[in-house]
Protein backbone atom coordinates (compact mmCIF):
# COMPACT_ATOMS: atom_id res chain seq x y z
CA UNK A 1 89.48 77.88 89.75
CA UNK A 2 86.41 76.18 91.27
CA UNK A 3 86.03 76.57 95.02
CA UNK A 4 84.03 73.71 96.52
CA UNK A 5 80.66 74.93 97.77
CA UNK A 6 79.03 73.53 100.90
CA UNK A 7 75.61 73.58 99.21
CA UNK A 8 76.77 71.06 96.59
CA UNK A 9 75.91 68.11 98.85
CA UNK A 10 72.35 69.32 99.43
CA UNK A 11 71.90 70.19 95.75
CA UNK A 12 72.75 66.62 94.71
CA UNK A 13 70.49 65.21 97.40
CA UNK A 14 67.49 67.31 96.35
CA UNK A 15 68.05 66.51 92.66
CA UNK A 16 67.60 62.84 93.54
CA UNK A 17 64.27 63.55 95.19
CA UNK A 18 62.53 66.38 93.30
CA UNK A 19 61.89 66.91 89.58
CA UNK A 20 62.81 70.60 89.95
CA UNK A 21 65.49 72.21 92.09
CA UNK A 22 65.51 76.00 92.31
CA UNK A 23 68.59 77.79 93.56
CA UNK A 24 68.06 81.35 94.71
CA UNK A 25 70.63 83.91 95.73
CA UNK A 26 72.16 87.30 94.92
CA UNK A 27 73.63 88.02 91.53
CA UNK A 28 77.24 86.87 91.19
CA UNK A 29 77.05 84.54 94.21
CA UNK A 30 78.17 81.58 92.10
CA UNK A 31 74.83 79.91 91.28
CA UNK A 32 75.57 79.33 87.59
CA UNK A 33 79.10 78.10 88.27
CA UNK A 34 77.83 75.61 90.86
CA UNK A 35 74.95 74.12 88.86
CA UNK A 36 77.10 73.78 85.73
CA UNK A 37 79.79 72.08 87.79
CA UNK A 38 77.34 69.65 89.42
CA UNK A 39 75.33 68.95 86.24
CA UNK A 40 77.85 69.28 83.38
CA UNK A 41 75.77 67.21 80.91
CA UNK A 42 72.56 69.20 81.25
CA UNK A 43 71.73 71.67 78.46
CA UNK A 44 72.00 75.27 79.63
CA UNK A 45 69.91 78.33 78.74
CA UNK A 46 70.20 81.79 80.24
CA UNK A 47 67.04 83.88 80.33
CA UNK A 48 69.27 86.94 80.61
CA UNK A 49 70.00 86.51 76.91
CA UNK A 50 67.51 88.70 75.07
CA UNK A 51 66.82 86.29 72.19
CA UNK A 52 66.45 83.32 74.53
CA UNK A 53 64.14 85.26 76.80
CA UNK A 54 62.02 86.45 73.89
CA UNK A 55 61.66 82.86 72.64
CA UNK A 56 60.72 81.59 76.12
CA UNK A 57 58.15 84.33 76.74
CA UNK A 58 56.44 84.32 73.34
CA UNK A 59 56.57 80.60 72.62
CA UNK A 60 57.06 78.75 75.93
CA UNK A 61 55.78 75.45 74.56
CA UNK A 62 58.15 75.57 71.60
CA UNK A 63 61.05 76.70 73.81
CA UNK A 64 60.57 73.86 76.30
CA UNK A 65 60.24 71.26 73.53
CA UNK A 66 64.00 71.71 73.03
CA UNK A 67 64.58 70.77 76.67
CA UNK A 68 62.08 68.00 77.28
CA UNK A 69 64.86 65.79 78.70
CA UNK A 70 65.82 68.40 81.26
CA UNK A 71 67.98 71.52 81.45
CA UNK A 72 69.46 74.31 83.54
CA UNK A 73 67.51 77.56 83.21
CA UNK A 74 69.42 80.57 84.51
CA UNK A 75 67.68 83.70 85.90
CA UNK A 76 64.36 82.02 85.23
CA UNK A 77 62.33 84.80 86.90
CA UNK A 78 62.86 86.71 83.64
CA UNK A 79 60.36 84.40 81.91
CA UNK A 80 57.59 83.53 84.41
CA UNK A 81 55.48 82.21 81.51
CA UNK A 82 57.53 79.01 81.67
CA UNK A 83 56.35 77.83 85.07
CA UNK A 84 52.89 76.56 84.12
CA UNK A 85 54.33 74.63 81.19
CA UNK A 86 57.09 73.19 83.38
CA UNK A 87 54.43 71.86 85.71
CA UNK A 88 52.85 69.85 82.90
CA UNK A 89 56.20 68.45 81.76
CA UNK A 90 57.39 67.36 85.22
CA UNK A 91 54.01 65.78 85.99
CA UNK A 92 54.12 63.78 82.77
CA UNK A 93 57.78 62.77 83.10
CA UNK A 94 57.72 62.11 86.87
CA UNK A 95 61.50 62.00 87.03
CA UNK A 96 63.78 63.52 89.72
CA UNK A 97 66.44 66.07 88.82
CA UNK A 98 64.82 67.05 85.54
CA UNK A 99 65.20 70.83 85.75
CA UNK A 100 67.56 73.06 87.69
CA UNK A 101 66.48 76.69 87.97
CA UNK A 102 68.43 79.67 89.24
CA UNK A 103 67.22 83.14 90.11
CA UNK A 104 68.36 86.30 91.82
CA UNK A 105 64.99 87.76 92.78
CA UNK A 106 63.54 85.82 95.64
CA UNK A 107 60.13 87.50 95.62
CA UNK A 108 59.41 86.99 91.91
CA UNK A 109 60.61 83.40 91.94
CA UNK A 110 58.95 82.33 95.18
CA UNK A 111 55.62 83.75 94.06
CA UNK A 112 55.64 81.83 90.78
CA UNK A 113 57.08 78.63 92.21
CA UNK A 114 54.55 78.45 95.03
CA UNK A 115 51.68 78.88 92.60
CA UNK A 116 52.73 76.40 89.91
CA UNK A 117 55.33 73.95 91.23
CA UNK A 118 54.32 73.40 94.84
CA UNK A 119 55.35 69.92 95.96
CA UNK A 120 57.50 69.45 92.85
CA UNK A 121 60.36 71.82 93.64
CA UNK A 122 63.08 72.05 96.27
CA UNK A 123 64.23 75.58 97.12
CA UNK A 124 67.86 76.21 98.01
CA UNK A 125 69.75 79.43 98.76
CA UNK A 126 73.32 80.18 97.70
CA UNK A 127 75.03 83.21 99.20
CA UNK A 128 78.58 84.36 98.38
CA UNK A 129 81.53 82.35 99.74
CA UNK A 130 81.65 81.55 103.43
CA UNK A 131 84.61 81.56 105.80
CA UNK A 132 84.49 77.74 105.79
CA UNK A 133 84.64 77.55 101.99
CA UNK A 134 87.58 79.95 101.82
CA UNK A 135 89.45 78.10 104.56
CA UNK A 136 89.11 74.91 102.50
CA UNK A 137 90.47 76.64 99.38
CA UNK A 138 93.85 78.03 98.41
CA UNK A 139 92.72 81.64 98.85
CA UNK A 140 93.95 83.38 102.02
CA UNK A 141 91.60 84.91 104.60
CA UNK A 142 94.14 87.67 105.41
CA UNK A 143 93.26 89.95 108.32
CA UNK A 144 89.79 90.82 109.57
CA UNK A 145 89.64 94.34 108.11
CA UNK A 146 90.67 93.07 104.70
CA UNK A 147 88.03 90.33 104.79
CA UNK A 148 85.23 92.73 105.77
CA UNK A 149 86.30 95.18 103.05
CA UNK A 150 86.85 92.61 100.28
CA UNK A 151 83.71 90.64 101.10
CA UNK A 152 82.88 87.21 99.75
CA UNK A 153 81.61 87.59 96.20
CA UNK A 154 83.38 84.89 94.14
CA UNK A 155 84.55 87.04 91.26
CA UNK A 156 86.33 89.56 93.52
CA UNK A 157 88.23 86.77 95.25
CA UNK A 158 89.03 84.39 92.40
CA UNK A 159 89.91 87.14 89.89
CA UNK A 160 91.66 89.29 92.51
CA UNK A 161 89.70 92.36 91.45
CA UNK A 162 89.68 95.73 93.18
CA UNK A 163 86.96 95.46 95.86
CA UNK A 164 86.10 99.16 95.81
CA UNK A 165 85.68 99.24 92.02
CA UNK A 166 83.81 95.94 91.73
CA UNK A 167 81.30 96.63 94.48
CA UNK A 168 80.63 100.17 93.26
CA UNK A 169 79.88 98.71 89.81
CA UNK A 170 77.73 95.98 91.38
CA UNK A 171 75.60 98.58 93.17
CA UNK A 172 75.24 100.72 90.06
CA UNK A 173 74.31 97.71 87.94
CA UNK A 174 71.78 96.65 90.57
CA UNK A 175 70.20 100.10 90.53
CA UNK A 176 70.16 100.34 86.74
CA UNK A 177 69.06 96.79 85.84
CA UNK A 178 67.01 95.54 88.75
CA UNK A 179 65.47 98.51 90.49
CA UNK A 180 64.41 100.35 87.34
CA UNK A 181 62.27 97.33 86.41
CA UNK A 182 60.24 97.62 89.62
CA UNK A 183 57.11 99.71 89.25
CA UNK A 184 56.99 101.10 92.79
CA UNK A 185 60.45 102.72 92.49
CA UNK A 186 59.84 105.86 90.47
CA UNK A 187 62.85 107.85 91.70
CA UNK A 188 66.12 105.94 91.36
CA UNK A 189 68.12 108.70 93.09
CA UNK A 190 65.91 108.59 96.19
CA UNK A 191 66.26 104.82 96.23
CA UNK A 192 70.06 105.12 96.07
CA UNK A 193 69.98 107.55 99.00
CA UNK A 194 67.74 105.10 100.86
CA UNK A 195 70.22 102.29 100.19
CA UNK A 196 73.09 104.35 101.61
CA UNK A 197 71.04 105.18 104.69
CA UNK A 198 70.46 101.45 105.18
CA UNK A 199 74.22 100.87 105.08
CA UNK A 200 74.60 103.42 107.87
CA UNK A 201 72.09 101.43 109.94
CA UNK A 202 73.78 98.06 109.62
CA UNK A 203 73.33 96.12 112.86
CA UNK A 204 70.68 98.52 114.16
CA UNK A 205 67.02 98.01 115.01
CA UNK A 206 64.97 99.02 111.98
CA UNK A 207 62.68 101.99 112.51
CA UNK A 208 60.86 102.48 109.22
CA UNK A 209 59.34 105.83 110.19
CA UNK A 210 62.71 107.38 111.02
CA UNK A 211 64.42 105.81 108.00
CA UNK A 212 61.65 106.98 105.67
CA UNK A 213 61.75 110.51 107.09
CA UNK A 214 65.51 110.80 106.56
CA UNK A 215 65.17 109.46 103.01
CA UNK A 216 62.30 111.85 102.26
CA UNK A 217 59.75 109.09 101.61
CA UNK A 218 56.68 107.77 103.40
CA UNK A 219 56.62 104.95 105.93
CA UNK A 220 54.83 102.68 103.43
CA UNK A 221 57.38 103.45 100.69
CA UNK A 222 60.23 102.67 103.09
CA UNK A 223 58.56 99.36 103.95
CA UNK A 224 58.17 98.55 100.24
CA UNK A 225 61.77 99.44 99.45
CA UNK A 226 63.08 97.32 102.33
CA UNK A 227 61.16 94.38 100.82
CA UNK A 228 62.83 95.04 97.46
CA UNK A 229 66.29 94.99 99.05
CA UNK A 230 65.40 91.78 100.90
CA UNK A 231 64.07 89.99 97.83
CA UNK A 232 67.17 90.82 95.80
CA UNK A 233 69.49 89.59 98.57
CA UNK A 234 71.08 92.93 99.42
CA UNK A 235 69.89 93.03 103.04
CA UNK A 236 68.12 90.74 105.48
CA UNK A 237 66.18 91.40 108.66
CA UNK A 238 67.01 89.53 111.85
CA UNK A 239 63.81 89.02 113.80
CA UNK A 240 63.61 89.26 117.61
CA UNK A 241 63.30 86.06 119.61
CA UNK A 242 59.92 85.81 121.32
CA UNK A 243 59.30 83.70 124.35
CA UNK A 244 57.32 84.16 127.52
CA UNK A 245 60.08 85.51 129.76
CA UNK A 246 57.64 87.78 131.64
CA UNK A 247 59.48 90.73 130.12
CA UNK A 248 58.68 93.38 127.55
CA UNK A 249 60.61 92.37 124.44
CA UNK A 250 61.68 94.59 121.55
CA UNK A 251 59.56 93.61 118.55
CA UNK A 252 61.30 95.38 115.65
CA UNK A 253 63.88 93.52 113.50
CA UNK A 254 67.55 94.44 113.05
CA UNK A 255 68.97 95.25 109.61
CA UNK A 256 72.03 93.53 108.16
CA UNK A 257 73.77 93.30 104.79
CA UNK A 258 74.41 89.88 103.28
CA UNK A 259 77.89 91.07 102.28
CA UNK A 260 79.84 93.65 104.26
CA UNK A 261 81.80 94.81 101.22
CA UNK A 262 78.62 96.25 99.68
CA UNK A 263 77.94 98.12 102.92
CA UNK A 264 81.55 99.39 102.92
CA UNK A 265 81.14 100.68 99.38
CA UNK A 266 77.89 102.47 100.25
CA UNK A 267 79.57 104.02 103.31
CA UNK A 268 82.36 105.42 101.13
CA UNK A 269 85.10 103.24 102.66
CA UNK A 270 87.91 103.16 100.08
CA UNK A 271 90.37 100.67 101.58
CA UNK A 272 90.61 98.15 104.40
CA UNK A 273 92.98 100.33 106.45
CA UNK A 274 90.13 102.81 107.04
CA UNK A 275 88.17 100.13 108.88
CA UNK A 276 90.55 100.11 111.85
CA UNK A 277 89.25 103.48 113.05
CA UNK A 278 85.93 103.77 111.21
CA UNK A 279 82.84 104.47 113.32
CA UNK A 280 80.97 101.58 111.66
CA UNK A 281 83.66 98.95 112.33
CA UNK A 282 81.70 97.29 115.14
CA UNK A 283 78.44 97.25 113.17
CA UNK A 284 80.17 95.86 110.09
CA UNK A 285 81.83 93.12 112.14
CA UNK A 286 78.47 92.20 113.64
CA UNK A 287 76.93 92.08 110.14
CA UNK A 288 79.85 89.94 108.96
CA UNK A 289 79.35 87.41 111.78
CA UNK A 290 75.55 87.23 111.47
CA UNK A 291 75.88 86.72 107.71
CA UNK A 292 78.38 83.89 108.25
CA UNK A 293 76.04 82.18 110.71
CA UNK A 294 73.23 82.48 108.18
CA UNK A 295 75.43 81.04 105.40
CA UNK A 296 76.14 78.00 107.56
CA UNK A 297 72.43 77.28 107.86
CA UNK A 298 71.34 78.11 104.29
CA UNK A 299 74.28 76.33 102.65
CA UNK A 300 73.36 73.24 104.63
CA UNK A 301 69.92 73.39 103.03
CA UNK A 302 68.19 74.51 106.22
CA UNK A 303 65.97 77.48 106.86
CA UNK A 304 67.37 80.29 108.96
CA UNK A 305 66.78 79.90 112.69
CA UNK A 306 68.67 83.04 113.70
CA UNK A 307 67.22 85.72 115.97
CA UNK A 308 68.33 88.38 118.42
CA UNK A 309 67.05 89.18 121.91
CA UNK A 310 66.52 92.56 123.54
CA UNK A 311 64.21 93.59 126.35
CA UNK A 312 62.96 97.05 127.29
CA UNK A 313 65.63 97.31 130.00
CA UNK A 314 68.40 97.10 127.38
CA UNK A 315 69.49 93.53 128.08
CA UNK A 316 70.53 92.11 124.71
CA UNK A 317 71.97 89.02 123.02
CA UNK A 318 73.33 89.70 119.54
CA UNK A 319 72.27 86.34 118.11
CA UNK A 320 70.09 83.50 119.35
CA UNK A 321 70.14 80.28 117.31
CA UNK A 322 67.51 77.59 117.60
CA UNK A 323 69.34 74.28 117.23
CA UNK A 324 67.01 71.38 117.86
CA UNK A 325 65.72 71.76 121.40
CA UNK A 326 68.63 74.00 122.39
CA UNK A 327 69.14 77.74 122.23
CA UNK A 328 72.64 79.02 121.44
CA UNK A 329 73.37 82.53 122.70
CA UNK A 330 76.09 84.51 120.92
CA UNK A 331 77.67 87.84 121.76
CA UNK A 332 79.61 89.55 118.96
CA UNK A 333 82.52 91.83 119.82
CA UNK A 334 84.77 93.53 117.25
CA UNK A 335 87.55 94.07 119.80
CA UNK A 336 90.76 92.09 119.37
CA UNK A 337 91.05 91.64 123.15
CA UNK A 338 88.68 89.81 125.50
CA UNK A 339 87.25 92.07 128.23
CA UNK A 340 85.26 91.13 131.34
CA UNK A 341 82.20 93.13 130.31
CA UNK A 342 81.80 90.90 127.21
CA UNK A 343 80.09 88.34 129.46
CA UNK A 344 77.42 90.61 130.95
CA UNK A 345 74.69 89.84 128.42
CA UNK A 346 75.42 86.12 128.43
CA UNK A 347 75.26 85.90 132.23
CA UNK A 348 71.88 87.65 132.14
CA UNK A 349 70.70 85.20 129.44
CA UNK A 350 71.90 82.17 131.40
CA UNK A 351 69.93 83.30 134.43
CA UNK A 352 66.85 84.11 132.33
CA UNK A 353 66.82 80.77 130.47
CA UNK A 354 68.42 78.53 133.11
CA UNK A 355 71.17 77.67 130.61
CA UNK A 356 74.94 77.40 131.08
CA UNK A 357 78.24 78.16 129.40
CA UNK A 358 77.98 75.16 127.07
CA UNK A 359 75.45 77.04 124.94
CA UNK A 360 76.97 80.52 125.39
CA UNK A 361 79.51 81.92 122.95
CA UNK A 362 81.53 85.02 122.24
CA UNK A 363 82.73 85.70 118.70
CA UNK A 364 85.39 88.39 118.60
CA UNK A 365 87.76 90.15 116.24
CA UNK A 366 91.00 88.91 117.72
CA UNK A 367 93.07 85.75 117.33
CA UNK A 368 92.74 82.51 119.27
CA UNK A 369 89.97 80.45 120.87
CA UNK A 370 89.38 80.12 124.58
CA UNK A 371 87.14 78.17 126.92
CA UNK A 372 86.08 80.19 129.94
CA UNK A 373 83.78 79.41 132.84
CA UNK A 374 81.15 81.84 131.52
CA UNK A 375 81.29 81.02 127.80
CA UNK A 376 83.19 79.50 124.90
CA UNK A 377 85.17 82.03 122.86
CA UNK A 378 85.95 81.78 119.15
CA UNK A 379 87.79 84.22 116.93
CA UNK A 380 86.39 85.41 113.60
CA UNK A 381 88.18 82.69 111.62
CA UNK A 382 86.41 79.96 113.57
CA UNK A 383 82.78 81.06 113.45
CA UNK A 384 81.84 77.64 112.08
CA UNK A 385 83.09 75.95 115.27
CA UNK A 386 79.86 76.94 116.99
CA UNK A 387 77.96 74.33 115.00
CA UNK A 388 80.32 71.43 115.78
């Protein structure tokens, strides 16, 4: 069953304007399903296929001659030799929507695309399903703990697979297929330990020196491995919001997982019932919310304008969103009940920025929306209401 993706609208729009559209995102996020659904008449070739990849690498001109009228090329970072030849074809044809590319390694793709197809390609990002997409489908959201544990990868949801088994296999496949190909990861077991340590730091400020020390690697290796996890869409770093508030501001980013189910798997959580009392419940809920906010922006075809704020006195806002000339301040609370101390950070922010309750929000783990004097309150099922 095809679940309608928000990014479809932007994909069609960009295909009418650019000769090449490149869709990036984690493996199994639904990229291939979406582009085949939107462009059913385009020829399709997967560079994951060994014979196809060998043909494309060793005879790129001959390979592309089969697709001179356009095509979908899946996991195109596997054959970077194609990019220079694609440039010649799209320049000669000068036709929008000629090629649709997908890839699951942001770093490898971005590097090649920026060098060869600058000005000719539109870059889009597809993450796993969002709350909005599931609400518009026939698949139930269920309760919060179940949603955090099951995650949002399409195959788990549409095929009703065991979340614990699927995500464990996903991590192992990622380690075996992706990480082993990277030259600066010589010890796969140390990298796996590092990945688990990252899961334990979900929602925390990233201190590379401490993380590297606990993993038994150097600061520079930790920095390199974080970049690998970022480029393959396992984690992302939320940067601090800088502005001249006449205060000392924390400058280190916070670490989050794109999908909480992967973090649950790495933390050894075996079922959703464990989340009710697990020490990481609050951090996982925060990661869940931040990821959903990011999906809303990326699936609309926009760049991420998400940040967090923290000063040296400990005053903090979990998420700050730049929306036009406005700043939206969001506090994230896993509790199912609204408490008075939830508003403390927002009241500080309102005084600091001379803002009011109209741009202040609380996202919490309970049920029901409220409008209070200090802020607007939305439950976890209505995260998307912030952008309305």
